[in-house]
Amino acid sequence: MSTETTSPNDMTSVNRSGNIVLVVDDSSMDRHLAGAIVQKMGGWGALFAGNGVEALALLEKERADVVLTDMLMPEMDGLQLVQAIRSRFPLTPVILMTAHGSEDIAIQALQKGAASYVPKKSLARDLAETLEQVLAASKTRQQEQRLLSRLGKFETQFTLDNDTSLIPALVAHLEEDVNRLKLAEPSGLVLLGVALHEALTNAMLHGNLELSSALRETDEKEYYRQSVDRRSKPPYGERKVTVSARFTREELIFVIQDEGNGFDPNTLPDPTDPSNLGKVSGRGLLLIQTFMDRVEHNAKGNEITMVKRC
């Protein structure tokens, strides 16, 4: 690979009124080859950078609709550039230019979020079509984000059997809804997921199947044996868990209701009491109350409402 850098003329070779491609390659010849193809496309123009560091600096100052990057470059390679763009410019798609010897890193880059790839030997034939396809998909995503930013309220509801294997899938689905609507930071999503997982587990195992936390502390094997046994026996196995979620720009509200006999919420141990921290029975409630802004039980004790402010 050449180590040539970008010239000032490279930087300004762009039709700013049309679609803009940022071409990133440390080879001047390959940069100009890709740029020539782009500039023959109606309504397209090109910017150029010699490596990933230059590309990120340019993206801070100039608009680019698509980034087209080589994989093997000094200072910052194509994989590192994909990861940086995904983090700092998430709506800007990246297309890879692959050459012999870069296949492994290209696969990693696709797994990390690159939108597509074109072999360098096929640029003349495939680049224009790939750019058009990726840009069309990108603009659809951007329009979706604009639409979702105007969403006032979103509600969803699920009814589950007492199958704990469904819990991770449902939690992931709700997390994705929250993330898609930009209602929480990534770190907050993790904590939200933990609280939901604990509440759903409690509803299925303690609520519907009426399994005792005390049994789990004294004989965990028997606890899980009974959890499997009761799923197929009435009345336990016939009971359902209803999960309702309501999202607004101000707060996230989750209501989880089981069909068990309930309990007296006033008898719940204080999970923040140091003497209760080591008990299995207090861990779930401690996590829920710590990660949510408001937690309430109904009078019967078979429904929990958890509120997280956005």
Protein backbone atom coordinates (compact mmCIF):
# COMPACT_ATOMS: atom_id res chain seq x y z
CA MET A 1 0.00 0.00 0.00
CA SER A 2 1.18 3.51 -0.75
CA THR A 3 1.52 6.00 2.08
CA GLU A 4 0.64 9.05 0.00
CA THR A 5 -1.55 11.60 1.73
CA THR A 6 -4.40 13.76 0.55
CA SER A 7 -3.73 16.92 -1.40
CA PRO A 8 -5.70 20.14 -0.86
CA ASN A 9 -7.23 19.69 -4.31
CA ASP A 10 -8.57 16.30 -3.20
CA MET A 11 -10.36 17.87 -0.28
CA THR A 12 -12.34 20.35 -2.35
CA SER A 13 -13.33 18.16 -5.28
CA VAL A 14 -17.03 17.99 -4.50
CA ASN A 15 -20.41 19.03 -5.82
CA ARG A 16 -21.86 20.29 -2.53
CA SER A 17 -25.38 20.55 -3.89
CA GLY A 18 -25.64 16.82 -4.64
CA ASN A 19 -24.87 13.54 -2.89
CA ILE A 20 -21.38 13.47 -1.40
CA VAL A 21 -19.04 10.49 -1.05
CA LEU A 22 -15.99 10.69 1.18
CA VAL A 23 -13.35 8.45 -0.45
CA VAL A 24 -10.74 7.22 2.06
CA ASP A 25 -7.60 5.52 0.72
CA ASP A 26 -3.87 5.99 1.31
CA SER A 27 -3.21 5.33 -2.39
CA SER A 28 -3.56 8.49 -4.48
CA MET A 29 -4.16 6.41 -7.60
CA ASP A 30 -6.98 4.40 -5.99
CA ARG A 31 -8.54 7.55 -4.52
CA HIS A 32 -8.71 9.21 -7.91
CA LEU A 33 -9.98 6.06 -9.60
CA ALA A 34 -12.91 5.84 -7.18
CA GLY A 35 -13.44 9.60 -7.32
CA ALA A 36 -13.60 9.59 -11.11
CA ILE A 37 -16.33 6.94 -11.04
CA VAL A 38 -18.31 8.95 -8.47
CA GLN A 39 -18.02 12.19 -10.40
CA LYS A 40 -19.36 10.57 -13.57
CA MET A 41 -22.59 9.80 -11.69
CA GLY A 42 -25.21 12.49 -12.09
CA GLY A 43 -25.75 14.48 -8.91
CA TRP A 44 -22.76 13.03 -7.05
CA GLY A 45 -19.49 14.54 -5.89
CA ALA A 46 -16.46 13.35 -3.92
CA LEU A 47 -14.33 14.37 -0.99
CA PHE A 48 -11.01 12.63 -0.29
CA ALA A 49 -8.95 11.57 2.72
CA GLY A 50 -5.73 9.58 2.92
CA ASN A 51 -6.55 7.60 6.08
CA GLY A 52 -9.12 7.17 8.82
CA VAL A 53 -7.78 9.98 10.99
CA GLU A 54 -8.07 12.47 8.11
CA ALA A 55 -11.53 11.14 7.30
CA LEU A 56 -12.87 11.72 10.81
CA ALA A 57 -11.43 15.22 10.89
CA LEU A 58 -13.09 15.97 7.55
CA LEU A 59 -16.44 14.58 8.69
CA GLU A 60 -16.39 17.05 11.57
CA LYS A 61 -16.29 19.93 9.05
CA GLU A 62 -17.97 18.65 5.88
CA ARG A 63 -21.17 16.80 5.08
CA ALA A 64 -20.81 13.32 3.58
CA ASP A 65 -23.75 11.13 2.64
CA VAL A 66 -21.64 7.97 2.28
CA VAL A 67 -18.09 7.00 3.26
CA LEU A 68 -16.18 4.74 0.85
CA THR A 69 -13.05 3.38 2.49
CA ASP A 70 -10.08 1.16 1.82
CA MET A 71 -9.36 -1.49 4.47
CA LEU A 72 -5.56 -1.47 4.85
CA MET A 73 -4.29 2.02 5.73
CA PRO A 74 -1.75 3.57 8.12
CA GLU A 75 -2.73 5.28 11.40
CA MET A 76 -6.34 4.00 11.31
CA ASP A 77 -7.50 1.10 9.16
CA GLY A 78 -10.93 0.53 7.65
CA LEU A 79 -12.23 -1.54 10.58
CA GLN A 80 -11.27 1.14 13.08
CA LEU A 81 -12.82 3.79 10.86
CA VAL A 82 -16.11 1.87 10.64
CA GLN A 83 -16.26 1.61 14.43
CA ALA A 84 -15.47 5.30 14.88
CA ILE A 85 -18.10 6.40 12.36
CA ARG A 86 -20.72 4.13 13.91
CA SER A 87 -20.00 5.80 17.24
CA ARG A 88 -19.69 9.44 16.15
CA PHE A 89 -21.77 9.61 12.94
CA PRO A 90 -24.27 6.73 13.27
CA LEU A 91 -26.45 7.80 10.33
CA THR A 92 -23.55 7.90 7.86
CA PRO A 93 -23.21 4.55 6.04
CA VAL A 94 -19.81 3.08 5.19
CA ILE A 95 -18.96 1.05 2.07
CA LEU A 96 -15.75 -0.97 2.01
CA MET A 97 -13.31 -1.22 -0.89
CA THR A 98 -11.75 -4.67 -0.60
CA ALA A 99 -8.53 -5.91 -2.11
CA HIS A 100 -6.60 -9.16 -1.89
CA GLY A 101 -5.32 -9.56 1.65
CA SER A 102 -8.06 -7.52 3.33
CA GLU A 103 -10.83 -10.13 3.30
CA ASP A 104 -10.68 -10.99 7.01
CA ILE A 105 -10.72 -7.39 8.20
CA ALA A 106 -13.52 -6.60 5.74
CA ILE A 107 -15.71 -9.33 7.23
CA GLN A 108 -15.05 -7.91 10.69
CA ALA A 109 -15.98 -4.44 9.45
CA LEU A 110 -19.26 -5.72 8.00
CA GLN A 111 -20.02 -7.36 11.34
CA LYS A 112 -19.28 -4.05 13.06
CA GLY A 113 -21.76 -2.12 10.94
CA ALA A 114 -20.37 -1.40 7.45
CA ALA A 115 -23.26 -1.17 4.99
CA SER A 116 -21.74 -2.96 1.97
CA TYR A 117 -18.53 -3.65 0.07
CA VAL A 118 -17.14 -3.50 -3.46
CA PRO A 119 -13.97 -5.34 -4.57
CA LYS A 120 -11.47 -2.84 -5.94
CA LYS A 121 -11.18 -4.84 -9.15
CA SER A 122 -14.94 -4.36 -9.67
CA LEU A 123 -15.23 -0.64 -8.85
CA ALA A 124 -15.96 0.42 -12.43
CA ARG A 125 -18.77 -2.10 -12.74
CA ASP A 126 -20.35 -2.14 -9.26
CA LEU A 127 -19.56 1.07 -7.37
CA ALA A 128 -22.29 3.30 -8.81
CA GLU A 129 -25.07 0.78 -8.19
CA THR A 130 -23.82 0.05 -4.66
CA LEU A 131 -23.69 3.75 -3.79
CA GLU A 132 -27.26 4.28 -5.02
CA GLN A 133 -28.57 1.27 -3.05
CA VAL A 134 -26.83 2.19 0.19
CA LEU A 135 -27.82 5.85 -0.02
CA ALA A 136 -31.48 4.93 -0.62
CA ALA A 137 -31.47 2.69 2.47
CA SER A 138 -29.69 5.38 4.50
CA LYS A 139 -32.18 8.09 3.58
CA THR A 140 -35.05 5.78 4.57
CA ARG A 141 -33.43 5.26 7.97
CA GLN A 142 -32.88 9.00 8.41
CA GLN A 143 -36.51 9.70 7.56
CA GLU A 144 -37.58 7.04 10.05
CA GLN A 145 -35.51 8.74 12.75
CA ARG A 146 -37.13 12.07 11.91
CA LEU A 147 -40.55 10.47 12.13
CA LEU A 148 -39.80 8.70 15.41
CA SER A 149 -38.51 11.94 16.92
CA ARG A 150 -42.07 13.25 16.56
CA LEU A 151 -43.68 10.25 18.26
CA GLY A 152 -45.77 11.35 21.24
CA LYS A 153 -46.74 8.01 22.75
CA PHE A 154 -46.00 4.34 22.09
CA GLU A 155 -47.75 1.37 23.73
CA THR A 156 -47.26 -2.39 23.45
CA GLN A 157 -48.51 -5.45 25.33
CA PHE A 158 -47.49 -9.12 25.56
CA THR A 159 -49.07 -12.16 27.20
CA LEU A 160 -46.58 -14.85 28.19
CA ASP A 161 -46.70 -18.42 29.40
CA ASN A 162 -44.45 -19.32 32.33
CA ASP A 163 -41.47 -19.94 30.08
CA THR A 164 -38.42 -18.15 31.42
CA SER A 165 -36.60 -18.66 28.10
CA LEU A 166 -38.89 -15.95 26.64
CA ILE A 167 -37.67 -13.34 29.12
CA PRO A 168 -34.35 -12.41 27.42
CA ALA A 169 -36.08 -12.10 24.04
CA LEU A 170 -38.82 -9.84 25.42
CA VAL A 171 -36.34 -7.69 27.35
CA ALA A 172 -34.21 -7.30 24.21
CA HIS A 173 -37.31 -6.32 22.21
CA LEU A 174 -38.32 -3.65 24.72
CA GLU A 175 -34.76 -2.36 24.92
CA GLU A 176 -34.69 -2.06 21.12
CA ASP A 177 -37.94 -0.06 21.16
CA VAL A 178 -36.50 2.31 23.76
CA ASN A 179 -33.24 2.63 21.83
CA ARG A 180 -34.95 3.15 18.47
CA LEU A 181 -36.99 5.99 19.98
CA LYS A 182 -33.82 7.51 21.52
CA LEU A 183 -35.38 7.51 25.00
CA ALA A 184 -32.36 6.25 26.97
CA GLU A 185 -28.59 6.19 26.90
CA PRO A 186 -26.90 2.82 26.15
CA SER A 187 -25.73 2.47 29.76
CA GLY A 188 -29.26 3.13 30.96
CA LEU A 189 -30.61 0.42 28.66
CA VAL A 190 -28.51 -2.20 30.43
CA LEU A 191 -29.88 -1.23 33.85
CA LEU A 192 -33.42 -1.07 32.49
CA GLY A 193 -33.01 -4.58 31.07
CA VAL A 194 -31.80 -5.97 34.39
CA ALA A 195 -34.82 -4.53 36.23
CA LEU A 196 -37.27 -5.90 33.63
CA HIS A 197 -35.61 -9.33 33.75
CA GLU A 198 -35.94 -9.48 37.53
CA ALA A 199 -39.60 -8.37 37.51
CA LEU A 200 -40.57 -10.87 34.81
CA THR A 201 -38.80 -13.70 36.61
CA ASN A 202 -40.60 -12.83 39.84
CA ALA A 203 -43.98 -12.77 38.07
CA MET A 204 -43.49 -16.21 36.51
CA LEU A 205 -41.75 -18.10 39.29
CA HIS A 206 -43.02 -16.48 42.49
CA GLY A 207 -46.34 -15.17 41.19
CA ASN A 208 -47.78 -17.78 38.84
CA LEU A 209 -45.84 -20.86 39.97
CA GLU A 210 -45.91 -19.84 43.66
CA LEU A 211 -42.32 -20.85 44.28
CA SER A 212 -40.88 -19.72 47.59
CA SER A 213 -37.66 -17.73 47.83
CA ALA A 214 -37.01 -19.52 51.11
CA LEU A 215 -36.94 -22.85 49.22
CA ARG A 216 -34.39 -21.48 46.79
CA GLU A 217 -32.15 -20.43 49.68
CA THR A 218 -32.31 -23.85 51.36
CA ASP A 219 -32.57 -26.24 48.39
CA GLU A 220 -31.93 -24.63 45.01
CA LYS A 221 -32.11 -27.95 43.12
CA GLU A 222 -35.62 -28.65 44.49
CA TYR A 223 -36.63 -25.07 43.70
CA TYR A 224 -35.83 -25.50 40.02
CA ARG A 225 -37.31 -29.01 39.93
CA GLN A 226 -40.62 -27.62 41.14
CA SER A 227 -40.42 -24.74 38.63
CA VAL A 228 -40.29 -27.26 35.78
CA ASP A 229 -42.96 -29.52 37.34
CA ARG A 230 -45.51 -26.78 38.00
CA ARG A 231 -45.40 -25.39 34.46
CA SER A 232 -47.42 -28.38 33.28
CA LYS A 233 -49.76 -28.69 36.28
CA PRO A 234 -52.97 -26.77 36.99
CA PRO A 235 -53.59 -24.21 38.26
CA TYR A 236 -49.97 -23.00 37.96
CA GLY A 237 -49.35 -23.88 34.32
CA GLU A 238 -52.56 -22.22 33.14
CA ARG A 239 -51.61 -18.82 34.47
CA LYS A 240 -50.23 -16.05 32.24
CA VAL A 241 -48.03 -13.00 32.68
CA THR A 242 -49.21 -9.78 31.04
CA VAL A 243 -46.57 -7.18 30.20
CA SER A 244 -47.62 -3.67 29.20
CA ALA A 245 -45.22 -0.91 28.17
CA ARG A 246 -46.06 2.74 27.58
CA PHE A 247 -43.39 5.13 26.30
CA THR A 248 -43.59 8.91 26.12
CA ARG A 249 -40.88 11.55 25.79
CA GLU A 250 -41.04 12.08 29.55
CA GLU A 251 -41.12 8.55 30.98
CA LEU A 252 -41.18 4.80 30.38
CA ILE A 253 -43.89 2.86 32.21
CA PHE A 254 -43.83 -0.94 32.54
CA VAL A 255 -46.68 -2.86 34.16
CA ILE A 256 -46.17 -6.60 34.79
CA GLN A 257 -49.12 -8.61 36.13
CA ASP A 258 -49.29 -12.30 37.01
CA GLU A 259 -52.37 -14.44 37.74
CA GLY A 260 -51.15 -15.85 41.03
CA ASN A 261 -52.64 -15.35 44.49
CA GLY A 262 -50.50 -12.30 45.13
CA PHE A 263 -49.06 -11.22 48.48
CA ASP A 264 -49.23 -8.35 50.94
CA PRO A 265 -46.81 -5.72 49.60
CA ASN A 266 -46.49 -4.35 53.14
CA THR A 267 -44.63 -7.53 54.15
CA LEU A 268 -41.83 -6.99 51.63
CA PRO A 269 -38.44 -6.78 53.35
CA ASP A 270 -36.48 -3.58 52.93
CA PRO A 271 -33.91 -4.53 50.25
CA THR A 272 -31.63 -1.68 51.32
CA ASP A 273 -31.36 -3.00 54.89
CA PRO A 274 -27.81 -4.37 55.20
CA SER A 275 -29.12 -7.47 56.94
CA ASN A 276 -31.16 -8.34 53.83
CA LEU A 277 -28.51 -7.71 51.17
CA GLY A 278 -27.16 -11.25 51.33
CA LYS A 279 -30.55 -12.91 50.93
CA VAL A 280 -31.62 -14.28 47.55
CA SER A 281 -35.17 -13.05 48.13
CA GLY A 282 -34.15 -9.39 48.33
CA ARG A 283 -31.79 -9.16 45.37
CA GLY A 284 -34.37 -8.76 42.60
CA LEU A 285 -36.34 -6.07 44.41
CA LEU A 286 -33.15 -4.21 45.29
CA LEU A 287 -32.12 -4.10 41.63
CA ILE A 288 -35.58 -3.03 40.48
CA GLN A 289 -35.85 -0.24 43.03
CA THR A 290 -32.29 0.91 42.33
CA PHE A 291 -32.61 1.07 38.55
CA MET A 292 -36.16 2.45 38.32
CA ASP A 293 -37.31 5.89 39.44
CA ARG A 294 -40.62 4.70 40.88
CA VAL A 295 -41.85 1.21 41.79
CA GLU A 296 -45.36 0.38 43.01
CA HIS A 297 -47.34 -2.81 43.72
CA ASN A 298 -51.11 -3.11 43.57
CA ALA A 299 -53.04 -4.00 46.74
CA LYS A 300 -53.29 -7.69 45.79
CA GLY A 301 -49.57 -7.92 45.16
CA ASN A 302 -49.80 -9.53 41.71
CA GLU A 303 -48.94 -6.42 39.70
CA ILE A 304 -45.84 -4.23 39.68
CA THR A 305 -45.58 -0.84 37.98
CA MET A 306 -42.09 0.45 37.21
CA VAL A 307 -41.43 3.96 35.96
CA LYS A 308 -38.20 5.27 34.43
CA ARG A 309 -37.92 8.97 33.60
CA CYS A 310 -36.37 9.75 30.23
